[in-house]
Protein backbone atom coordinates (compact mmCIF):
# COMPACT_ATOMS: atom_id res chain seq x y z
CA MET A 1 72.93 9.05 28.33
CA ASN A 2 74.32 8.71 31.79
CA GLY A 3 73.63 6.20 34.85
CA LYS A 4 71.55 8.84 37.09
CA ILE A 5 69.34 9.69 34.44
CA ASN A 6 69.20 6.12 33.45
CA LYS A 7 67.83 5.23 36.74
CA LYS A 8 65.24 8.06 36.70
CA MET A 9 63.97 7.65 33.38
CA ILE A 10 63.84 3.99 34.20
CA PHE A 11 61.56 4.25 37.30
CA PHE A 12 59.63 7.11 35.50
CA PHE A 13 58.19 4.80 32.65
CA GLY A 14 58.44 1.80 34.82
CA ALA A 15 55.65 3.51 37.15
CA LEU A 16 54.08 4.87 34.24
CA GLY A 17 51.22 2.65 34.01
CA GLY A 18 50.15 3.62 37.28
CA LEU A 19 49.49 6.86 36.46
CA LEU A 20 46.76 6.06 33.42
CA TYR A 21 45.09 3.58 36.31
CA GLY A 22 44.86 6.67 38.24
CA TYR A 23 43.35 8.75 35.25
CA ASP A 24 40.93 6.16 33.73
CA MET A 25 40.00 5.76 37.88
CA GLY A 26 39.20 9.07 38.29
CA VAL A 27 38.08 10.89 34.92
CA ILE A 28 35.04 8.86 35.24
CA SER A 29 33.62 10.94 38.28
CA GLY A 30 33.75 13.49 37.00
CA ALA A 31 32.43 12.71 33.46
CA LEU A 32 29.70 11.14 34.76
CA LEU A 33 27.90 13.89 35.66
CA PHE A 34 27.87 14.76 31.54
CA ILE A 35 27.30 11.62 30.50
CA LYS A 36 23.81 11.35 31.97
CA ASN A 37 22.88 14.84 29.79
CA ASP A 38 23.53 12.98 26.48
CA ILE A 39 22.88 9.16 27.57
CA LEU A 40 20.20 7.82 29.59
CA LEU A 41 21.86 6.19 32.59
CA ASN A 42 20.26 5.07 35.59
CA SER A 43 21.88 3.91 39.30
CA PHE A 44 22.54 0.57 37.58
CA THR A 45 23.71 1.94 34.42
CA GLU A 46 25.47 4.23 35.78
CA GLY A 47 27.05 1.82 38.53
CA LEU A 48 27.74 -0.71 35.46
CA VAL A 49 29.92 2.31 33.15
CA VAL A 50 31.63 3.10 36.36
CA SER A 51 32.48 -0.80 37.13
CA SER A 52 32.88 -2.52 33.95
CA MET A 53 36.75 -1.01 33.94
CA LEU A 54 36.76 -2.86 37.06
CA PHE A 55 35.41 -6.18 34.83
CA GLY A 56 38.23 -5.79 32.48
CA ALA A 57 40.46 -5.43 35.14
CA ILE A 58 39.75 -8.98 36.54
CA PHE A 59 40.41 -10.65 33.23
CA GLY A 60 43.65 -8.26 32.94
CA SER A 61 45.31 -8.83 35.93
CA GLY A 62 44.52 -12.63 35.58
CA PHE A 63 45.98 -12.84 32.26
CA SER A 64 48.80 -10.77 33.01
CA GLY A 65 50.72 -12.09 35.69
CA PRO A 66 51.41 -15.78 34.08
CA LEU A 67 52.37 -13.66 30.53
CA SER A 68 55.04 -11.35 31.77
CA ASP A 69 56.64 -14.52 33.28
CA LYS A 70 56.78 -16.02 30.33
CA PHE A 71 57.83 -13.43 27.84
CA GLY A 72 58.73 -10.54 30.64
CA ARG A 73 57.66 -7.53 32.24
CA ARG A 74 58.94 -5.07 29.72
CA ARG A 75 57.03 -7.01 26.68
CA LEU A 76 53.66 -6.57 28.71
CA VAL A 77 54.01 -3.11 29.64
CA PHE A 78 54.20 -1.97 25.80
CA ALA A 79 50.96 -3.86 25.02
CA ILE A 80 49.76 -2.58 27.47
CA ALA A 81 50.07 0.77 26.50
CA ILE A 82 48.46 -0.27 22.89
CA VAL A 83 45.23 -1.33 25.17
CA PHE A 84 45.30 1.94 26.66
CA VAL A 85 45.25 4.06 23.82
CA VAL A 86 42.30 1.87 21.63
CA GLY A 87 40.12 2.12 25.21
CA SER A 88 40.65 5.64 25.45
CA LEU A 89 39.57 6.11 21.53
CA VAL A 90 36.47 3.81 21.73
CA LEU A 91 34.99 6.04 24.94
CA ALA A 92 35.74 9.74 23.44
CA PHE A 93 33.49 8.47 20.52
CA ALA A 94 30.86 6.64 22.27
CA PRO A 95 27.69 6.95 21.03
CA ASN A 96 25.47 4.71 23.36
CA MET A 97 25.72 3.15 26.65
CA GLU A 98 26.90 -0.02 25.56
CA MET A 99 29.65 1.59 24.05
CA LEU A 100 30.62 3.33 26.73
CA VAL A 101 30.24 -0.09 28.70
CA ILE A 102 32.88 -1.83 26.15
CA GLY A 103 35.80 1.17 26.09
CA ARG A 104 35.38 1.14 30.11
CA LEU A 105 35.87 -3.17 29.58
CA ILE A 106 38.93 -2.77 27.18
CA ILE A 107 40.47 0.52 29.60
CA GLY A 108 40.18 -2.13 32.60
CA LEU A 109 42.42 -5.20 30.67
CA ALA A 110 44.95 -2.24 30.46
CA VAL A 111 44.46 -1.23 34.18
CA GLY A 112 44.05 -4.88 35.16
CA GLY A 113 47.37 -5.30 33.34
CA SER A 114 49.35 -2.38 34.89
CA THR A 115 48.26 -3.36 38.68
CA ALA A 116 50.23 -6.74 37.82
CA ILE A 117 53.19 -5.84 35.97
CA VAL A 118 54.05 -2.18 37.32
CA PRO A 119 54.87 -2.71 40.90
CA VAL A 120 56.52 -6.22 39.65
CA TYR A 121 58.92 -4.26 37.75
CA LEU A 122 59.86 -1.55 40.42
CA SER A 123 60.28 -4.08 42.71
CA GLU A 124 62.77 -5.75 40.94
CA MET A 125 64.64 -3.09 39.39
CA ALA A 126 64.71 -1.58 42.92
CA PRO A 127 67.74 -2.15 45.64
CA THR A 128 67.02 -3.59 48.49
CA GLU A 129 67.00 -0.56 50.77
CA GLN A 130 65.02 2.01 48.23
CA ARG A 131 62.84 -0.90 47.48
CA GLY A 132 60.27 0.84 49.59
CA SER A 133 60.22 4.26 48.21
CA LEU A 134 60.74 3.03 44.15
CA GLY A 135 58.02 0.63 44.55
CA SER A 136 55.85 3.28 46.33
CA LEU A 137 55.92 5.24 43.19
CA ASN A 138 53.21 3.34 41.25
CA GLN A 139 50.74 4.62 43.99
CA LEU A 140 52.21 8.08 43.42
CA MET A 141 51.26 7.80 39.95
CA ILE A 142 48.12 6.64 40.51
CA THR A 143 47.59 9.69 42.38
CA ILE A 144 49.21 12.12 40.14
CA GLY A 145 46.59 10.34 37.59
CA ILE A 146 43.44 10.74 39.68
CA LEU A 147 44.49 14.45 40.15
CA SER A 148 45.43 14.90 36.43
CA SER A 149 41.58 13.79 35.39
CA TYR A 150 40.10 16.06 38.41
CA LEU A 151 42.30 18.98 36.86
CA VAL A 152 41.03 18.02 33.13
CA ASN A 153 37.15 17.20 34.44
CA TYR A 154 37.33 20.95 35.77
CA ALA A 155 38.97 22.15 32.37
CA PHE A 156 35.78 20.67 30.27
CA ALA A 157 33.38 21.33 32.75
CA ASP A 158 31.86 24.34 32.00
CA ALA A 159 31.66 22.71 28.15
CA GLU A 160 30.42 19.59 29.56
CA ALA A 161 33.06 18.32 27.01
CA TRP A 162 32.94 14.64 28.94
CA ARG A 163 34.17 13.18 25.29
CA TRP A 164 37.63 15.26 25.79
CA MET A 165 37.85 14.36 29.61
CA VAL A 166 37.72 10.33 28.67
CA GLY A 167 39.70 10.88 25.54
CA LEU A 168 42.82 12.64 27.12
CA ALA A 169 43.75 9.41 28.76
CA VAL A 170 45.24 8.37 24.61
CA VAL A 171 48.44 11.71 25.51
CA PRO A 172 49.94 9.52 28.80
CA SER A 173 49.06 6.64 26.32
CA LEU A 174 50.85 7.19 23.67
CA ILE A 175 54.13 8.58 26.08
CA LEU A 176 54.17 5.28 27.43
CA MET A 177 54.39 3.30 24.36
CA VAL A 178 57.21 5.57 23.19
CA GLY A 179 58.83 5.18 26.96
CA VAL A 180 58.89 1.56 27.22
CA LEU A 181 60.96 0.97 23.87
CA PHE A 182 63.65 2.41 26.13
CA MET A 183 63.21 0.16 29.27
CA PRO A 184 65.59 -2.42 30.43
CA GLU A 185 63.91 -5.65 31.10
CA SER A 186 63.65 -7.01 34.47
CA PRO A 187 67.12 -8.63 35.74
CA ARG A 188 65.27 -11.40 37.89
CA TRP A 189 63.36 -12.47 34.89
CA LEU A 190 66.91 -12.18 32.46
CA LEU A 191 68.75 -14.37 35.07
CA GLU A 192 65.91 -16.91 34.74
CA HIS A 193 65.24 -16.69 31.22
CA ARG A 194 68.12 -15.01 29.23
CA SER A 195 71.82 -15.03 30.87
CA GLU A 196 73.61 -13.65 34.03
CA LYS A 197 75.59 -11.27 31.93
CA GLU A 198 72.13 -9.48 31.03
CA ALA A 199 71.13 -9.16 34.08
CA ARG A 200 74.35 -7.82 35.43
CA LYS A 201 74.41 -5.41 32.94
CA VAL A 202 70.74 -3.84 34.26
CA MET A 203 71.75 -4.06 37.58
CA LYS A 204 74.33 -1.75 36.78
CA LEU A 205 72.26 0.75 36.18
CA THR A 206 70.17 0.46 39.96
CA ARG A 207 72.51 -0.73 41.92
CA ASN A 208 76.28 0.14 43.75
CA PRO A 209 78.78 -2.90 42.01
CA GLU A 210 79.01 -4.15 45.35
CA GLN A 211 75.60 -5.42 45.66
CA ILE A 212 75.10 -6.82 42.85
CA ASP A 213 77.29 -10.24 43.63
CA LYS A 214 75.62 -10.53 46.66
CA GLU A 215 72.07 -10.53 44.90
CA ILE A 216 72.84 -12.66 41.75
CA GLN A 217 73.94 -15.25 44.13
CA GLU A 218 70.57 -15.20 46.58
CA MET A 219 68.96 -14.78 42.70
CA ILE A 220 71.31 -18.42 41.45
CA GLU A 221 70.31 -20.15 44.67
CA ILE A 222 66.88 -19.08 44.86
CA ASN A 223 66.70 -20.65 41.17
CA ASP A 224 68.26 -23.59 41.69
CA ILE A 225 65.52 -25.11 43.72
CA SER A 226 62.06 -23.44 42.13
CA ASP A 227 60.24 -25.19 39.88
CA SER A 228 58.14 -24.30 36.89
CA THR A 229 55.88 -21.08 37.94
CA TRP A 230 52.52 -23.42 38.05
CA ASN A 231 53.99 -25.69 40.17
CA VAL A 232 55.32 -22.55 42.54
CA LEU A 233 51.68 -21.62 42.37
CA LYS A 234 49.90 -24.35 43.39
CA SER A 235 52.40 -25.97 45.38
CA ALA A 236 50.96 -25.92 49.32
CA TRP A 237 54.05 -24.03 50.54
CA LEU A 238 52.98 -21.05 48.92
CA ARG A 239 49.07 -21.38 49.35
CA PRO A 240 48.90 -19.73 52.84
CA THR A 241 50.74 -16.41 51.55
CA LEU A 242 48.73 -16.71 48.34
CA ILE A 243 45.92 -15.87 50.23
CA ILE A 244 47.50 -13.53 52.78
CA GLY A 245 48.53 -11.35 49.50
CA CYS A 246 44.92 -11.85 48.09
CA THR A 247 42.98 -10.78 51.59
CA PHE A 248 45.22 -7.59 51.48
CA ALA A 249 44.42 -6.29 47.73
CA LEU A 250 40.83 -7.12 48.53
CA LEU A 251 41.14 -5.26 51.81
CA GLN A 252 42.34 -2.16 50.46
CA GLN A 253 39.73 -1.75 47.95
CA ILE A 254 36.84 -2.51 49.81
CA ILE A 255 38.28 0.11 52.84
CA GLY A 256 36.33 2.51 50.89
CA ILE A 257 38.72 4.73 48.90
CA ASN A 258 37.23 3.63 45.44
CA ALA A 259 33.68 4.75 46.58
CA ILE A 260 35.78 8.50 47.56
CA ILE A 261 37.42 8.09 43.89
CA TYR A 262 34.74 7.85 41.91
CA TYR A 263 31.71 9.64 43.39
CA ALA A 264 33.02 12.54 45.63
CA PRO A 265 31.58 15.11 42.94
CA THR A 266 28.53 12.98 42.79
CA ILE A 267 28.20 13.48 46.77
CA PHE A 268 29.62 16.90 46.35
CA ASN A 269 26.98 17.66 44.33
CA GLU A 270 24.17 16.21 46.30
CA ALA A 271 25.65 17.97 48.89
CA GLY A 272 23.94 21.36 47.17
CA LEU A 273 27.79 22.69 45.46
CA GLY A 274 27.03 23.05 41.88
CA SER A 275 28.87 20.68 39.47
CA SER A 276 31.97 22.90 38.79
CA THR A 277 32.60 23.38 42.29
CA ALA A 278 31.25 19.39 43.09
CA ILE A 279 34.76 18.78 40.96
CA LEU A 280 36.91 21.45 42.45
CA GLY A 281 36.46 19.91 45.52
CA THR A 282 37.78 16.87 44.20
CA VAL A 283 40.93 18.35 42.70
CA GLY A 284 41.78 19.24 46.38
CA ILE A 285 41.33 15.64 47.67
CA GLY A 286 43.56 15.04 44.35
CA ALA A 287 46.36 17.20 45.21
CA VAL A 288 46.36 16.06 48.99
CA ASN A 289 46.57 12.45 47.62
CA VAL A 290 49.33 13.36 45.87
CA ILE A 291 51.21 15.09 48.23
CA ILE A 292 50.57 13.07 51.12
CA THR A 293 51.91 10.07 49.29
CA ILE A 294 55.31 11.71 48.36
CA PHE A 295 55.66 12.07 51.73
CA ALA A 296 54.85 8.86 52.37
CA ILE A 297 57.58 7.53 49.71
CA MET A 298 60.17 9.80 52.12
CA VAL A 299 59.44 7.78 55.40
CA ILE A 300 58.34 4.62 53.49
CA ASP A 301 61.92 2.37 54.40
CA LYS A 302 62.36 4.17 57.61
CA ILE A 303 59.38 3.01 59.10
CA ASP A 304 57.52 -0.85 60.03
CA ARG A 305 55.10 -1.47 56.46
CA LYS A 306 52.56 -3.26 59.26
CA LYS A 307 52.88 -0.14 61.72
CA LEU A 308 52.38 2.24 59.02
CA LEU A 309 48.82 0.42 58.20
CA VAL A 310 47.75 -0.10 61.17
CA ILE A 311 48.10 3.67 61.56
CA GLY A 312 46.40 4.25 58.32
CA ASN A 313 43.38 1.82 59.39
CA ILE A 314 42.95 3.88 63.15
CA GLY A 315 42.74 7.57 61.01
CA MET A 316 40.52 5.82 58.27
CA VAL A 317 38.18 4.43 60.82
CA ALA A 318 37.96 7.42 62.42
CA SER A 319 37.24 9.70 59.81
CA LEU A 320 34.62 7.25 58.30
CA LEU A 321 32.65 7.05 61.70
CA ILE A 322 32.82 10.93 61.83
CA MET A 323 31.14 11.87 58.72
CA ALA A 324 28.67 9.16 59.66
CA VAL A 325 27.87 10.56 62.40
CA LEU A 326 27.81 14.45 60.97
CA ILE A 327 25.25 13.39 58.14
CA TRP A 328 22.89 11.97 60.75
CA THR A 329 22.90 14.84 62.81
CA ILE A 330 23.85 17.39 60.53
CA GLY A 331 22.84 16.30 56.92
CA LEU A 332 23.92 17.38 53.36
CA GLU A 333 21.78 19.86 53.18
CA SER A 334 23.31 22.83 54.15
CA SER A 335 26.97 24.30 52.88
CA PHE A 336 27.95 24.01 56.31
CA GLY A 337 27.49 20.09 56.34
CA ALA A 338 29.04 19.85 53.20
CA TRP A 339 32.18 21.60 53.62
CA ILE A 340 32.27 19.18 56.85
CA ILE A 341 32.06 16.11 54.55
CA VAL A 342 35.00 17.25 52.47
CA ALA A 343 37.06 17.79 55.66
CA CYS A 344 36.28 14.60 56.55
CA LEU A 345 36.74 12.75 53.10
CA THR A 346 40.16 14.89 52.96
CA MET A 347 40.70 13.42 56.02
CA PHE A 348 40.55 10.02 54.63
CA ILE A 349 42.38 10.65 52.01
CA ILE A 350 45.04 11.59 53.98
CA PHE A 351 45.45 8.85 55.95
CA PHE A 352 45.25 6.13 52.94
CA ALA A 353 47.87 7.75 50.63
CA PHE A 354 50.53 7.81 53.89
CA THR A 355 49.80 4.17 54.08
CA TRP A 356 47.07 1.90 52.68
CA GLY A 357 47.74 3.42 49.21
CA PRO A 358 51.56 3.17 48.72
CA VAL A 359 52.06 0.03 51.18
CA LEU A 360 49.98 -2.05 49.34
CA TRP A 361 51.66 -2.00 45.74
CA VAL A 362 55.47 -2.42 47.82
CA MET A 363 54.18 -4.89 49.50
CA LEU A 364 52.62 -7.27 47.07
CA PRO A 365 55.53 -8.21 45.12
CA GLU A 366 57.71 -8.91 48.14
CA LEU A 367 55.84 -11.37 49.51
CA PHE A 368 56.38 -13.56 46.65
CA PRO A 369 58.86 -16.21 45.00
CA MET A 370 60.95 -15.05 42.15
CA ARG A 371 59.61 -17.90 40.14
CA ALA A 372 55.93 -17.13 40.70
CA ARG A 373 55.96 -13.38 41.14
CA GLY A 374 54.10 -11.80 38.06
CA ALA A 375 51.57 -14.83 38.07
CA ALA A 376 51.13 -14.53 42.09
CA THR A 377 51.10 -10.71 42.06
CA GLY A 378 48.77 -10.87 39.20
CA ILE A 379 46.52 -13.29 41.10
CA ALA A 380 45.94 -10.39 44.00
CA ALA A 381 45.88 -7.86 41.31
CA LEU A 382 42.52 -9.88 40.35
CA ALA A 383 41.23 -9.58 43.81
CA LEU A 384 41.98 -6.29 44.41
CA SER A 385 39.97 -5.91 41.07
CA ILE A 386 37.11 -7.70 42.53
CA GLY A 387 37.14 -5.55 45.25
CA SER A 388 37.36 -2.36 43.19
CA LEU A 389 34.18 -4.02 41.45
CA LEU A 390 31.93 -4.63 44.41
CA VAL A 391 32.20 -1.04 45.68
CA ALA A 392 32.17 0.92 41.99
CA GLN A 393 28.97 -1.26 41.15
CA PHE A 394 27.48 -1.54 44.81
CA PHE A 395 27.84 2.03 46.50
CA PRO A 396 25.34 4.17 44.31
CA MET A 397 22.73 1.31 44.90
CA LEU A 398 23.54 0.89 49.17
CA SER A 399 24.04 4.41 49.18
CA ASP A 400 20.45 4.60 47.46
CA ALA A 401 18.61 2.21 49.98
CA LEU A 402 20.82 2.54 53.30
CA GLY A 403 22.00 6.26 52.88
CA ILE A 404 25.13 7.73 52.46
CA GLY A 405 26.17 7.36 56.64
CA GLN A 406 25.04 4.28 56.99
CA VAL A 407 27.31 3.14 53.88
CA PHE A 408 30.16 4.80 55.98
CA LEU A 409 29.95 3.00 58.60
CA ILE A 410 30.25 -0.39 56.95
CA PHE A 411 33.10 1.07 54.99
CA ALA A 412 34.24 1.50 58.70
CA ALA A 413 33.81 -2.19 60.14
CA VAL A 414 35.95 -3.17 57.15
CA GLY A 415 38.65 -0.77 58.68
CA ILE A 416 38.75 -2.61 61.66
CA ALA A 417 38.58 -6.17 60.30
CA ALA A 418 41.54 -4.91 57.80
CA MET A 419 43.52 -3.68 61.10
CA ILE A 420 43.34 -7.13 62.90
CA PHE A 421 44.56 -9.01 59.91
CA VAL A 422 47.54 -6.60 59.37
CA ILE A 423 47.82 -7.21 63.01
CA LYS A 424 47.46 -11.21 63.06
CA TYR A 425 48.52 -12.48 59.43
CA LEU A 426 50.60 -9.96 57.49
CA PRO A 427 54.74 -10.71 57.51
CA GLU A 428 56.77 -7.58 57.84
CA THR A 429 59.29 -7.37 54.79
CA ARG A 430 61.40 -3.97 55.51
CA GLY A 431 64.67 -4.45 54.99
CA ARG A 432 65.04 -7.61 53.94
CA SER A 433 66.04 -8.46 49.94
CA LEU A 434 63.35 -10.10 47.99
CA GLU A 435 65.70 -13.88 48.22
CA GLU A 436 65.89 -12.96 52.46
CA ILE A 437 61.41 -13.24 52.27
CA GLU A 438 61.44 -16.43 49.73
CA ALA A 439 63.66 -18.02 51.52
CA ASP A 440 62.23 -17.25 54.91
CA LEU A 441 59.06 -17.97 53.29
CA ARG A 442 60.39 -21.09 52.75
CA LYS A 443 61.43 -22.29 55.93
CA ARG A 444 58.70 -21.06 57.66
CA THR A 445 55.97 -23.43 55.50
CA SER A 446 58.92 -26.45 56.74
CA ALA A 447 59.32 -26.72 52.63
CA LYS A 448 62.66 -27.89 51.36
CA GLU A 449 61.90 -28.01 47.87
CA VAL A 450 58.46 -27.54 45.74
């Protein structure tokens, strides 16, 4: 196998954990329509089944980051694949609500791990000039996973075979288990824990020879002034960036994307569309998500990260406001109103998939220093999981209490706050090596040593 093929396979399997995250996030939306026929659920327990995955993700993201810094990115990805297999099988054979929750908790451990490790691995494997596009592969895989789950839901909708819907996640999980055996370890982890020789060998797979010496020297210089992972994490100079990273991750979730991903079929069904038609509508949204993400990957290294995020905020807030107004004036009862909602949800997805979706996964590992990159990204992923949990648990209850239109207004307000945050606090990272970003971080916080 030549170097070029090696490079493609490295980034494919490196990002495959994102596909599993997307599949397990999206599949429950269609499965819920039929689970309720076999297992009694109310609005609270429905939210619990959805959000229990996010409870697991909180622990998975919190623990996986430090473990990856200690044992390596590759070993953690293999462990994550095993957990995905176990969780999928538990869900497929769940006899009651309690086992559904347990299965989703197990899946959540793997989801949290993938959100913490996959972006770090892709970022550390990618050369500087391609870090945006290659780092965005995680988001592309998430969108492909979501679309795959929608297609599976549609295929099994007539049979109401929800166990097949949730159980088929075993297939990509097993592919990831095998694929990870052929993946190299991150060169930055190898340099710190093994040897420069091993790091150089891996870098030859993804970089031009003239880039390697410069990056190796930068990594050595940064490593020489770094302390232990724990000391870096608790240092005063890193704290502001850690807060920024956690806030960034939290905002990406509470801006409303998961409400659309999890509950779009339910929204469409309540709007008067049949179950199969409702799932088909989400297939269209999933396809748009994938297509726009591919387009974003093509331009993400050509446009400043912050500019993309602000564009996304404007578009998402506008679509949410239009949707809220239309729900109040037209309502969800008419078929015309239902398809207007489909159009607005699609508009939201377009702006999210072009901006906040991929940019977050690129920027999170860029923000943090080499010695604590896995652990710090894991902490930010924990904040992301908390945001996902809040939306998944409370969206059904808020919709019942306030109405969907008012809830969309809340998401719009969050979008405005997110835009202010980006403009005022988020640093620009495009076109700079990870070591240059870290050196600037230390300089800005006036820290000569940890």
